[in-house]
Amino acid sequence: GGAMGAMFYMEAITTIDLDVFVLFNDDHNLLPLQPIYDALKARGYAP
């Protein structure tokens, strides 16, 4: 989504990040982003 998503349809827009909207497997998790951060950390990616 965001500006990067818009660039798939029209002229480039200045942006610094890739906005990614996500659906989760577990809707009852109070920290829904934590599994993503854990999986990325295991791959060597950090904030």
ModelCIF file with pLDDT and N, C-alpha, C, O atoms, coordinates in Angstrom:
data_MODEL
#
_entry.id   MODEL 
#
_entity.id                         1 
_entity.type                       polymer 
_entity.pdbx_number_of_molecules   1 
#
_entity_poly.entity_id                      1 
_entity_poly.type                           'polypeptide(L)' 
_entity_poly.nstd_linkage                   no 
_entity_poly.nstd_monomer                   no 
_entity_poly.pdbx_seq_one_letter_code       GGAMGAMFYMEAITTIDLDVFVLFNDDHNLLPLQPIYDALKARGYAP 
_entity_poly.pdbx_seq_one_letter_code_can   GGAMGAMFYMEAITTIDLDVFVLFNDDHNLLPLQPIYDALKARGYAP 
_entity_poly.pdbx_strand_id                 A 
#
loop_
_entity_poly_seq.entity_id 
_entity_poly_seq.num 
_entity_poly_seq.mon_id 
_entity_poly_seq.hetero 
1 1  GLY n 
1 2  GLY n 
1 3  ALA n 
1 4  MET n 
1 5  GLY n 
1 6  ALA n 
1 7  MET n 
1 8  PHE n 
1 9  TYR n 
1 10 MET n 
1 11 GLU n 
1 12 ALA n 
1 13 ILE n 
1 14 THR n 
1 15 THR n 
1 16 ILE n 
1 17 ASP n 
1 18 LEU n 
1 19 ASP n 
1 20 VAL n 
1 21 PHE n 
1 22 VAL n 
1 23 LEU n 
1 24 PHE n 
1 25 ASN n 
1 26 ASP n 
1 27 ASP n 
1 28 HIS n 
1 29 ASN n 
1 30 LEU n 
1 31 LEU n 
1 32 PRO n 
1 33 LEU n 
1 34 GLN n 
1 35 PRO n 
1 36 ILE n 
1 37 TYR n 
1 38 ASP n 
1 39 ALA n 
1 40 LEU n 
1 41 LYS n 
1 42 ALA n 
1 43 ARG n 
1 44 GLY n 
1 45 TYR n 
1 46 ALA n 
1 47 PRO n 
#
_struct_asym.id          A 
_struct_asym.entity_id   1 
#
loop_
_ma_qa_metric.id 
_ma_qa_metric.mode 
_ma_qa_metric.name 
_ma_qa_metric.software_group_id 
_ma_qa_metric.type 
1 global pLDDT . pLDDT 
2 local  pLDDT . pLDDT 
#
_ma_qa_metric_global.metric_id      1 
_ma_qa_metric_global.metric_value   83.83 
_ma_qa_metric_global.model_id       1 
_ma_qa_metric_global.ordinal_id     1 
#
loop_
_ma_qa_metric_local.label_asym_id 
_ma_qa_metric_local.label_comp_id 
_ma_qa_metric_local.label_seq_id 
_ma_qa_metric_local.metric_id 
_ma_qa_metric_local.metric_value 
_ma_qa_metric_local.model_id 
_ma_qa_metric_local.ordinal_id 
A GLY 1  2 94.00 1 1  
A GLY 2  2 91.00 1 2  
A ALA 3  2 88.00 1 3  
A MET 4  2 90.00 1 4  
A GLY 5  2 92.00 1 5  
A ALA 6  2 91.00 1 6  
A MET 7  2 89.00 1 7  
A PHE 8  2 89.00 1 8  
A TYR 9  2 90.00 1 9  
A MET 10 2 86.00 1 10 
A GLU 11 2 77.00 1 11 
A ALA 12 2 64.00 1 12 
A ILE 13 2 71.00 1 13 
A THR 14 2 71.00 1 14 
A THR 15 2 76.00 1 15 
A ILE 16 2 78.00 1 16 
A ASP 17 2 86.00 1 17 
A LEU 18 2 91.00 1 18 
A ASP 19 2 93.00 1 19 
A VAL 20 2 95.00 1 20 
A PHE 21 2 94.00 1 21 
A VAL 22 2 93.00 1 22 
A LEU 23 2 87.00 1 23 
A PHE 24 2 83.00 1 24 
A ASN 25 2 76.00 1 25 
A ASP 26 2 69.00 1 26 
A ASP 27 2 66.00 1 27 
A HIS 28 2 63.00 1 28 
A ASN 29 2 65.00 1 29 
A LEU 30 2 64.00 1 30 
A LEU 31 2 71.00 1 31 
A PRO 32 2 76.00 1 32 
A LEU 33 2 84.00 1 33 
A GLN 34 2 86.00 1 34 
A PRO 35 2 88.00 1 35 
A ILE 36 2 91.00 1 36 
A TYR 37 2 89.00 1 37 
A ASP 38 2 91.00 1 38 
A ALA 39 2 94.00 1 39 
A LEU 40 2 94.00 1 40 
A LYS 41 2 91.00 1 41 
A ALA 42 2 94.00 1 42 
A ARG 43 2 94.00 1 43 
A GLY 44 2 92.00 1 44 
A TYR 45 2 91.00 1 45 
A ALA 46 2 77.00 1 46 
A PRO 47 2 75.00 1 47 
#
loop_
_atom_site.group_PDB 
_atom_site.id 
_atom_site.type_symbol 
_atom_site.label_atom_id 
_atom_site.label_alt_id 
_atom_site.label_comp_id 
_atom_site.label_asym_id 
_atom_site.label_entity_id 
_atom_site.label_seq_id 
_atom_site.pdbx_PDB_ins_code 
_atom_site.Cartn_x 
_atom_site.Cartn_y 
_atom_site.Cartn_z 
_atom_site.occupancy 
_atom_site.B_iso_or_equiv 
_atom_site.pdbx_formal_charge 
_atom_site.auth_seq_id 
_atom_site.auth_comp_id 
_atom_site.auth_asym_id 
_atom_site.auth_atom_id 
_atom_site.pdbx_PDB_model_num 
ATOM 1   N N  . GLY A 1 1  ? 0.839  -1.197  0.000   1.00 94.00 ? 1  GLY A N  1 
ATOM 2   C CA . GLY A 1 1  ? 0.000  0.000   0.000   1.00 94.00 ? 1  GLY A CA 1 
ATOM 3   C C  . GLY A 1 1  ? 0.869  1.240   0.000   1.00 94.00 ? 1  GLY A C  1 
ATOM 4   O O  . GLY A 1 1  ? 2.039  1.201   -0.382  1.00 94.00 ? 1  GLY A O  1 
ATOM 5   N N  . GLY A 1 2  ? 0.277  2.343   0.436   1.00 91.00 ? 2  GLY A N  1 
ATOM 6   C CA . GLY A 1 2  ? 1.024  3.592   0.556   1.00 91.00 ? 2  GLY A CA 1 
ATOM 7   C C  . GLY A 1 2  ? 1.551  4.097   -0.770  1.00 91.00 ? 2  GLY A C  1 
ATOM 8   O O  . GLY A 1 2  ? 1.047  3.750   -1.838  1.00 91.00 ? 2  GLY A O  1 
ATOM 9   N N  . ALA A 1 3  ? 2.582  4.927   -0.674  1.00 88.00 ? 3  ALA A N  1 
ATOM 10  C CA . ALA A 1 3  ? 3.155  5.553   -1.869  1.00 88.00 ? 3  ALA A CA 1 
ATOM 11  C C  . ALA A 1 3  ? 3.765  4.523   -2.811  1.00 88.00 ? 3  ALA A C  1 
ATOM 12  O O  . ALA A 1 3  ? 3.668  4.659   -4.031  1.00 88.00 ? 3  ALA A O  1 
ATOM 13  N N  . MET A 1 4  ? 4.391  3.493   -2.249  1.00 90.00 ? 4  MET A N  1 
ATOM 14  C CA . MET A 1 4  ? 4.987  2.458   -3.106  1.00 90.00 ? 4  MET A CA 1 
ATOM 15  C C  . MET A 1 4  ? 3.886  1.711   -3.866  1.00 90.00 ? 4  MET A C  1 
ATOM 16  O O  . MET A 1 4  ? 4.063  1.382   -5.039  1.00 90.00 ? 4  MET A O  1 
ATOM 17  N N  . GLY A 1 5  ? 2.766  1.445   -3.217  1.00 92.00 ? 5  GLY A N  1 
ATOM 18  C CA . GLY A 1 5  ? 1.645  0.813   -3.904  1.00 92.00 ? 5  GLY A CA 1 
ATOM 19  C C  . GLY A 1 5  ? 1.105  1.690   -5.014  1.00 92.00 ? 5  GLY A C  1 
ATOM 20  O O  . GLY A 1 5  ? 0.756  1.203   -6.089  1.00 92.00 ? 5  GLY A O  1 
ATOM 21  N N  . ALA A 1 6  ? 1.037  2.993   -4.748  1.00 91.00 ? 6  ALA A N  1 
ATOM 22  C CA . ALA A 1 6  ? 0.539  3.930   -5.755  1.00 91.00 ? 6  ALA A CA 1 
ATOM 23  C C  . ALA A 1 6  ? 1.419  3.954   -6.996  1.00 91.00 ? 6  ALA A C  1 
ATOM 24  O O  . ALA A 1 6  ? 0.935  4.188   -8.103  1.00 91.00 ? 6  ALA A O  1 
ATOM 25  N N  . MET A 1 7  ? 2.716  3.710   -6.808  1.00 89.00 ? 7  MET A N  1 
ATOM 26  C CA . MET A 1 7  ? 3.640  3.750   -7.949  1.00 89.00 ? 7  MET A CA 1 
ATOM 27  C C  . MET A 1 7  ? 3.398  2.633   -8.955  1.00 89.00 ? 7  MET A C  1 
ATOM 28  O O  . MET A 1 7  ? 3.892  2.698   -10.081 1.00 89.00 ? 7  MET A O  1 
ATOM 29  N N  . PHE A 1 8  ? 2.648  1.613   -8.563  1.00 89.00 ? 8  PHE A N  1 
ATOM 30  C CA . PHE A 1 8  ? 2.313  0.562   -9.518  1.00 89.00 ? 8  PHE A CA 1 
ATOM 31  C C  . PHE A 1 8  ? 1.256  1.061   -10.512 1.00 89.00 ? 8  PHE A C  1 
ATOM 32  O O  . PHE A 1 8  ? 1.026  0.427   -11.542 1.00 89.00 ? 8  PHE A O  1 
ATOM 33  N N  . TYR A 1 9  ? 0.616  2.194   -10.204 1.00 90.00 ? 9  TYR A N  1 
ATOM 34  C CA . TYR A 1 9  ? -0.480 2.702   -11.027 1.00 90.00 ? 9  TYR A CA 1 
ATOM 35  C C  . TYR A 1 9  ? -0.218 4.055   -11.671 1.00 90.00 ? 9  TYR A C  1 
ATOM 36  O O  . TYR A 1 9  ? -0.860 4.394   -12.666 1.00 90.00 ? 9  TYR A O  1 
ATOM 37  N N  . MET A 1 10 ? 0.704  4.829   -11.130 1.00 86.00 ? 10 MET A N  1 
ATOM 38  C CA . MET A 1 10 ? 0.922  6.175   -11.660 1.00 86.00 ? 10 MET A CA 1 
ATOM 39  C C  . MET A 1 10 ? 2.369  6.589   -11.453 1.00 86.00 ? 10 MET A C  1 
ATOM 40  O O  . MET A 1 10 ? 3.193  5.792   -11.004 1.00 86.00 ? 10 MET A O  1 
ATOM 41  N N  . GLU A 1 11 ? 2.675  7.838   -11.782 1.00 77.00 ? 11 GLU A N  1 
ATOM 42  C CA . GLU A 1 11 ? 4.039  8.344   -11.680 1.00 77.00 ? 11 GLU A CA 1 
ATOM 43  C C  . GLU A 1 11 ? 4.598  8.148   -10.279 1.00 77.00 ? 11 GLU A C  1 
ATOM 44  O O  . GLU A 1 11 ? 3.865  8.078   -9.293  1.00 77.00 ? 11 GLU A O  1 
ATOM 45  N N  . ALA A 1 12 ? 5.918  8.062   -10.230 1.00 64.00 ? 12 ALA A N  1 
ATOM 46  C CA . ALA A 1 12 ? 6.605  7.850   -8.964  1.00 64.00 ? 12 ALA A CA 1 
ATOM 47  C C  . ALA A 1 12 ? 6.311  8.962   -7.969  1.00 64.00 ? 12 ALA A C  1 
ATOM 48  O O  . ALA A 1 12 ? 6.180  10.134  -8.324  1.00 64.00 ? 12 ALA A O  1 
ATOM 49  N N  . ILE A 1 13 ? 6.212  8.548   -6.710  1.00 71.00 ? 13 ILE A N  1 
ATOM 50  C CA . ILE A 1 13 ? 5.984  9.453   -5.592  1.00 71.00 ? 13 ILE A CA 1 
ATOM 51  C C  . ILE A 1 13 ? 7.151  9.245   -4.633  1.00 71.00 ? 13 ILE A C  1 
ATOM 52  O O  . ILE A 1 13 ? 7.576  8.113   -4.404  1.00 71.00 ? 13 ILE A O  1 
ATOM 53  N N  . THR A 1 14 ? 7.661  10.321  -4.081  1.00 71.00 ? 14 THR A N  1 
ATOM 54  C CA . THR A 1 14 ? 8.767  10.198  -3.146  1.00 71.00 ? 14 THR A CA 1 
ATOM 55  C C  . THR A 1 14 ? 8.320  9.432   -1.905  1.00 71.00 ? 14 THR A C  1 
ATOM 56  O O  . THR A 1 14 ? 7.320  9.771   -1.271  1.00 71.00 ? 14 THR A O  1 
ATOM 57  N N  . THR A 1 15 ? 9.076  8.402   -1.576  1.00 76.00 ? 15 THR A N  1 
ATOM 58  C CA . THR A 1 15 ? 8.795  7.620   -0.381  1.00 76.00 ? 15 THR A CA 1 
ATOM 59  C C  . THR A 1 15 ? 10.083 6.955   0.069   1.00 76.00 ? 15 THR A C  1 
ATOM 60  O O  . THR A 1 15 ? 10.993 6.733   -0.729  1.00 76.00 ? 15 THR A O  1 
ATOM 61  N N  . ILE A 1 16 ? 10.150 6.642   1.340   1.00 78.00 ? 16 ILE A N  1 
ATOM 62  C CA . ILE A 1 16 ? 11.355 5.997   1.841   1.00 78.00 ? 16 ILE A CA 1 
ATOM 63  C C  . ILE A 1 16 ? 11.118 4.557   2.262   1.00 78.00 ? 16 ILE A C  1 
ATOM 64  O O  . ILE A 1 16 ? 12.069 3.814   2.502   1.00 78.00 ? 16 ILE A O  1 
ATOM 65  N N  . ASP A 1 17 ? 9.850  4.157   2.353   1.00 86.00 ? 17 ASP A N  1 
ATOM 66  C CA . ASP A 1 17 ? 9.591  2.810   2.859   1.00 86.00 ? 17 ASP A CA 1 
ATOM 67  C C  . ASP A 1 17 ? 8.530  2.095   2.036   1.00 86.00 ? 17 ASP A C  1 
ATOM 68  O O  . ASP A 1 17 ? 7.805  2.691   1.239   1.00 86.00 ? 17 ASP A O  1 
ATOM 69  N N  . LEU A 1 18 ? 8.477  0.804   2.265   1.00 91.00 ? 18 LEU A N  1 
ATOM 70  C CA . LEU A 1 18 ? 7.496  -0.066  1.634   1.00 91.00 ? 18 LEU A CA 1 
ATOM 71  C C  . LEU A 1 18 ? 6.439  -0.365  2.691   1.00 91.00 ? 18 LEU A C  1 
ATOM 72  O O  . LEU A 1 18 ? 6.713  -1.080  3.654   1.00 91.00 ? 18 LEU A O  1 
ATOM 73  N N  . ASP A 1 19 ? 5.224  0.180   2.520   1.00 93.00 ? 19 ASP A N  1 
ATOM 74  C CA . ASP A 1 19 ? 4.127  -0.086  3.453   1.00 93.00 ? 19 ASP A CA 1 
ATOM 75  C C  . ASP A 1 19 ? 3.470  -1.398  3.050   1.00 93.00 ? 19 ASP A C  1 
ATOM 76  O O  . ASP A 1 19 ? 3.018  -1.563  1.917   1.00 93.00 ? 19 ASP A O  1 
ATOM 77  N N  . VAL A 1 20 ? 3.425  -2.334  4.003   1.00 95.00 ? 20 VAL A N  1 
ATOM 78  C CA . VAL A 1 20 ? 2.851  -3.653  3.739   1.00 95.00 ? 20 VAL A CA 1 
ATOM 79  C C  . VAL A 1 20 ? 1.723  -3.892  4.723   1.00 95.00 ? 20 VAL A C  1 
ATOM 80  O O  . VAL A 1 20 ? 1.944  -3.960  5.932   1.00 95.00 ? 20 VAL A O  1 
ATOM 81  N N  . PHE A 1 21 ? 0.513  -4.020  4.198   1.00 94.00 ? 21 PHE A N  1 
ATOM 82  C CA . PHE A 1 21 ? -0.644 -4.344  5.027   1.00 94.00 ? 21 PHE A CA 1 
ATOM 83  C C  . PHE A 1 21 ? -0.734 -5.857  5.121   1.00 94.00 ? 21 PHE A C  1 
ATOM 84  O O  . PHE A 1 21 ? -0.599 -6.561  4.120   1.00 94.00 ? 21 PHE A O  1 
ATOM 85  N N  . VAL A 1 22 ? -0.964 -6.351  6.332   1.00 93.00 ? 22 VAL A N  1 
ATOM 86  C CA . VAL A 1 22 ? -0.948 -7.791  6.538   1.00 93.00 ? 22 VAL A CA 1 
ATOM 87  C C  . VAL A 1 22 ? -2.215 -8.288  7.213   1.00 93.00 ? 22 VAL A C  1 
ATOM 88  O O  . VAL A 1 22 ? -2.828 -7.599  8.028   1.00 93.00 ? 22 VAL A O  1 
ATOM 89  N N  . LEU A 1 23 ? -2.588 -9.516  6.843   1.00 87.00 ? 23 LEU A N  1 
ATOM 90  C CA . LEU A 1 23 ? -3.624 -10.275 7.542   1.00 87.00 ? 23 LEU A CA 1 
ATOM 91  C C  . LEU A 1 23 ? -2.902 -11.353 8.331   1.00 87.00 ? 23 LEU A C  1 
ATOM 92  O O  . LEU A 1 23 ? -1.919 -11.926 7.861   1.00 87.00 ? 23 LEU A O  1 
ATOM 93  N N  . PHE A 1 24 ? -3.389 -11.624 9.522   1.00 83.00 ? 24 PHE A N  1 
ATOM 94  C CA . PHE A 1 24 ? -2.723 -12.567 10.407  1.00 83.00 ? 24 PHE A CA 1 
ATOM 95  C C  . PHE A 1 24 ? -3.469 -13.884 10.470  1.00 83.00 ? 24 PHE A C  1 
ATOM 96  O O  . PHE A 1 24 ? -4.675 -13.948 10.231  1.00 83.00 ? 24 PHE A O  1 
ATOM 97  N N  . ASN A 1 25 ? -2.731 -14.933 10.797  1.00 76.00 ? 25 ASN A N  1 
ATOM 98  C CA . ASN A 1 25 ? -3.326 -16.252 10.990  1.00 76.00 ? 25 ASN A CA 1 
ATOM 99  C C  . ASN A 1 25 ? -4.061 -16.335 12.313  1.00 76.00 ? 25 ASN A C  1 
ATOM 100 O O  . ASN A 1 25 ? -5.059 -17.047 12.422  1.00 76.00 ? 25 ASN A O  1 
ATOM 101 N N  . ASP A 1 26 ? -3.581 -15.611 13.332  1.00 69.00 ? 26 ASP A N  1 
ATOM 102 C CA . ASP A 1 26 ? -4.151 -15.649 14.679  1.00 69.00 ? 26 ASP A CA 1 
ATOM 103 C C  . ASP A 1 26 ? -4.712 -14.278 15.019  1.00 69.00 ? 26 ASP A C  1 
ATOM 104 O O  . ASP A 1 26 ? -3.957 -13.358 15.332  1.00 69.00 ? 26 ASP A O  1 
ATOM 105 N N  . ASP A 1 27 ? -6.029 -14.134 14.961  1.00 66.00 ? 27 ASP A N  1 
ATOM 106 C CA . ASP A 1 27 ? -6.663 -12.845 15.240  1.00 66.00 ? 27 ASP A CA 1 
ATOM 107 C C  . ASP A 1 27 ? -6.707 -12.512 16.725  1.00 66.00 ? 27 ASP A C  1 
ATOM 108 O O  . ASP A 1 27 ? -7.108 -11.407 17.090  1.00 66.00 ? 27 ASP A O  1 
ATOM 109 N N  . HIS A 1 28 ? -6.305 -13.436 17.589  1.00 63.00 ? 28 HIS A N  1 
ATOM 110 C CA . HIS A 1 28 ? -6.400 -13.215 19.026  1.00 63.00 ? 28 HIS A CA 1 
ATOM 111 C C  . HIS A 1 28 ? -5.063 -12.860 19.662  1.00 63.00 ? 28 HIS A C  1 
ATOM 112 O O  . HIS A 1 28 ? -4.983 -12.698 20.880  1.00 63.00 ? 28 HIS A O  1 
ATOM 113 N N  . ASN A 1 29 ? -4.035 -12.741 18.873  1.00 65.00 ? 29 ASN A N  1 
ATOM 114 C CA . ASN A 1 29 ? -2.713 -12.405 19.375  1.00 65.00 ? 29 ASN A CA 1 
ATOM 115 C C  . ASN A 1 29 ? -2.675 -10.926 19.765  1.00 65.00 ? 29 ASN A C  1 
ATOM 116 O O  . ASN A 1 29 ? -3.010 -10.064 18.953  1.00 65.00 ? 29 ASN A O  1 
ATOM 117 N N  . LEU A 1 30 ? -2.271 -10.630 21.001  1.00 64.00 ? 30 LEU A N  1 
ATOM 118 C CA . LEU A 1 30 ? -2.207 -9.243  21.460  1.00 64.00 ? 30 LEU A CA 1 
ATOM 119 C C  . LEU A 1 30 ? -1.009 -8.497  20.886  1.00 64.00 ? 30 LEU A C  1 
ATOM 120 O O  . LEU A 1 30 ? -0.986 -7.266  20.901  1.00 64.00 ? 30 LEU A O  1 
ATOM 121 N N  . LEU A 1 31 ? -0.026 -9.211  20.386  1.00 71.00 ? 31 LEU A N  1 
ATOM 122 C CA . LEU A 1 31 ? 1.146  -8.620  19.737  1.00 71.00 ? 31 LEU A CA 1 
ATOM 123 C C  . LEU A 1 31 ? 1.253  -9.191  18.323  1.00 71.00 ? 31 LEU A C  1 
ATOM 124 O O  . LEU A 1 31 ? 2.150  -9.986  18.042  1.00 71.00 ? 31 LEU A O  1 
ATOM 125 N N  . PRO A 1 32 ? 0.347  -8.791  17.439  1.00 76.00 ? 32 PRO A N  1 
ATOM 126 C CA . PRO A 1 32 ? 0.266  -9.454  16.138  1.00 76.00 ? 32 PRO A CA 1 
ATOM 127 C C  . PRO A 1 32 ? 1.519  -9.328  15.281  1.00 76.00 ? 32 PRO A C  1 
ATOM 128 O O  . PRO A 1 32 ? 1.782  -10.202 14.455  1.00 76.00 ? 32 PRO A O  1 
ATOM 129 N N  . LEU A 1 33 ? 2.295  -8.267  15.456  1.00 84.00 ? 33 LEU A N  1 
ATOM 130 C CA . LEU A 1 33 ? 3.486  -8.095  14.631  1.00 84.00 ? 33 LEU A CA 1 
ATOM 131 C C  . LEU A 1 33 ? 4.685  -8.905  15.132  1.00 84.00 ? 33 LEU A C  1 
ATOM 132 O O  . LEU A 1 33 ? 5.659  -9.089  14.401  1.00 84.00 ? 33 LEU A O  1 
ATOM 133 N N  . GLN A 1 34 ? 4.617  -9.386  16.370  1.00 86.00 ? 34 GLN A N  1 
ATOM 134 C CA . GLN A 1 34 ? 5.772  -10.084 16.953  1.00 86.00 ? 34 GLN A CA 1 
ATOM 135 C C  . GLN A 1 34 ? 6.222  -11.308 16.151  1.00 86.00 ? 34 GLN A C  1 
ATOM 136 O O  . GLN A 1 34 ? 7.424  -11.485 15.956  1.00 86.00 ? 34 GLN A O  1 
ATOM 137 N N  . PRO A 1 35 ? 5.300  -12.162 15.676  1.00 88.00 ? 35 PRO A N  1 
ATOM 138 C CA . PRO A 1 35 ? 5.763  -13.299 14.869  1.00 88.00 ? 35 PRO A CA 1 
ATOM 139 C C  . PRO A 1 35 ? 6.515  -12.865 13.602  1.00 88.00 ? 35 PRO A C  1 
ATOM 140 O O  . PRO A 1 35 ? 7.444  -13.544 13.165  1.00 88.00 ? 35 PRO A O  1 
ATOM 141 N N  . ILE A 1 36 ? 6.110  -11.736 13.019  1.00 91.00 ? 36 ILE A N  1 
ATOM 142 C CA . ILE A 1 36 ? 6.809  -11.219 11.841  1.00 91.00 ? 36 ILE A CA 1 
ATOM 143 C C  . ILE A 1 36 ? 8.222  -10.800 12.227  1.00 91.00 ? 36 ILE A C  1 
ATOM 144 O O  . ILE A 1 36 ? 9.192  -11.178 11.570  1.00 91.00 ? 36 ILE A O  1 
ATOM 145 N N  . TYR A 1 37 ? 8.333  -10.006 13.311  1.00 89.00 ? 37 TYR A N  1 
ATOM 146 C CA . TYR A 1 37 ? 9.647  -9.537  13.747  1.00 89.00 ? 37 TYR A CA 1 
ATOM 147 C C  . TYR A 1 37 ? 10.549 -10.711 14.128  1.00 89.00 ? 37 TYR A C  1 
ATOM 148 O O  . TYR A 1 37 ? 11.743 -10.696 13.829  1.00 89.00 ? 37 TYR A O  1 
ATOM 149 N N  . ASP A 1 38 ? 9.989  -11.725 14.782  1.00 91.00 ? 38 ASP A N  1 
ATOM 150 C CA . ASP A 1 38 ? 10.778 -12.905 15.159  1.00 91.00 ? 38 ASP A CA 1 
ATOM 151 C C  . ASP A 1 38 ? 11.289 -13.642 13.920  1.00 91.00 ? 38 ASP A C  1 
ATOM 152 O O  . ASP A 1 38 ? 12.453 -14.040 13.860  1.00 91.00 ? 38 ASP A O  1 
ATOM 153 N N  . ALA A 1 39 ? 10.408 -13.820 12.933  1.00 94.00 ? 39 ALA A N  1 
ATOM 154 C CA . ALA A 1 39 ? 10.806 -14.515 11.701  1.00 94.00 ? 39 ALA A CA 1 
ATOM 155 C C  . ALA A 1 39 ? 11.862 -13.719 10.939  1.00 94.00 ? 39 ALA A C  1 
ATOM 156 O O  . ALA A 1 39 ? 12.786 -14.298 10.367  1.00 94.00 ? 39 ALA A O  1 
ATOM 157 N N  . LEU A 1 40 ? 11.729 -12.404 10.932  1.00 94.00 ? 40 LEU A N  1 
ATOM 158 C CA . LEU A 1 40 ? 12.711 -11.574 10.232  1.00 94.00 ? 40 LEU A CA 1 
ATOM 159 C C  . LEU A 1 40 ? 14.041 -11.555 10.978  1.00 94.00 ? 40 LEU A C  1 
ATOM 160 O O  . LEU A 1 40 ? 15.104 -11.592 10.359  1.00 94.00 ? 40 LEU A O  1 
ATOM 161 N N  . LYS A 1 41 ? 13.981 -11.498 12.297  1.00 91.00 ? 41 LYS A N  1 
ATOM 162 C CA . LYS A 1 41 ? 15.211 -11.515 13.099  1.00 91.00 ? 41 LYS A CA 1 
ATOM 163 C C  . LYS A 1 41 ? 15.981 -12.817 12.863  1.00 91.00 ? 41 LYS A C  1 
ATOM 164 O O  . LYS A 1 41 ? 17.209 -12.809 12.786  1.00 91.00 ? 41 LYS A O  1 
ATOM 165 N N  . ALA A 1 42 ? 15.260 -13.928 12.750  1.00 94.00 ? 42 ALA A N  1 
ATOM 166 C CA . ALA A 1 42 ? 15.903 -15.218 12.481  1.00 94.00 ? 42 ALA A CA 1 
ATOM 167 C C  . ALA A 1 42 ? 16.607 -15.222 11.122  1.00 94.00 ? 42 ALA A C  1 
ATOM 168 O O  . ALA A 1 42 ? 17.543 -15.992 10.904  1.00 94.00 ? 42 ALA A O  1 
ATOM 169 N N  . ARG A 1 43 ? 16.151 -14.359 10.210  1.00 94.00 ? 43 ARG A N  1 
ATOM 170 C CA . ARG A 1 43 ? 16.774 -14.250 8.888   1.00 94.00 ? 43 ARG A CA 1 
ATOM 171 C C  . ARG A 1 43 ? 17.884 -13.196 8.874   1.00 94.00 ? 43 ARG A C  1 
ATOM 172 O O  . ARG A 1 43 ? 18.541 -12.999 7.852   1.00 94.00 ? 43 ARG A O  1 
ATOM 173 N N  . GLY A 1 44 ? 18.093 -12.522 10.003  1.00 92.00 ? 44 GLY A N  1 
ATOM 174 C CA . GLY A 1 44 ? 19.143 -11.516 10.094  1.00 92.00 ? 44 GLY A CA 1 
ATOM 175 C C  . GLY A 1 44 ? 18.699 -10.096 9.811   1.00 92.00 ? 44 GLY A C  1 
ATOM 176 O O  . GLY A 1 44 ? 19.537 -9.210  9.645   1.00 92.00 ? 44 GLY A O  1 
ATOM 177 N N  . TYR A 1 45 ? 17.389 -9.860  9.752   1.00 91.00 ? 45 TYR A N  1 
ATOM 178 C CA . TYR A 1 45 ? 16.880 -8.517  9.502   1.00 91.00 ? 45 TYR A CA 1 
ATOM 179 C C  . TYR A 1 45 ? 16.429 -7.889  10.817  1.00 91.00 ? 45 TYR A C  1 
ATOM 180 O O  . TYR A 1 45 ? 15.758 -8.525  11.630  1.00 91.00 ? 45 TYR A O  1 
ATOM 181 N N  . ALA A 1 46 ? 16.808 -6.634  11.007  1.00 77.00 ? 46 ALA A N  1 
ATOM 182 C CA . ALA A 1 46 ? 16.503 -5.943  12.262  1.00 77.00 ? 46 ALA A CA 1 
ATOM 183 C C  . ALA A 1 46 ? 15.813 -4.624  11.962  1.00 77.00 ? 46 ALA A C  1 
ATOM 184 O O  . ALA A 1 46 ? 15.845 -4.150  10.827  1.00 77.00 ? 46 ALA A O  1 
ATOM 185 N N  . PRO A 1 47 ? 15.182 -4.022  12.981  1.00 75.00 ? 47 PRO A N  1 
ATOM 186 C CA . PRO A 1 47 ? 14.570 -2.711  12.778  1.00 75.00 ? 47 PRO A CA 1 
ATOM 187 C C  . PRO A 1 47 ? 15.585 -1.708  12.227  1.00 75.00 ? 47 PRO A C  1 
ATOM 188 O O  . PRO A 1 47 ? 15.244 -0.548  11.995  1.00 75.00 ? 47 PRO A O  1 
#
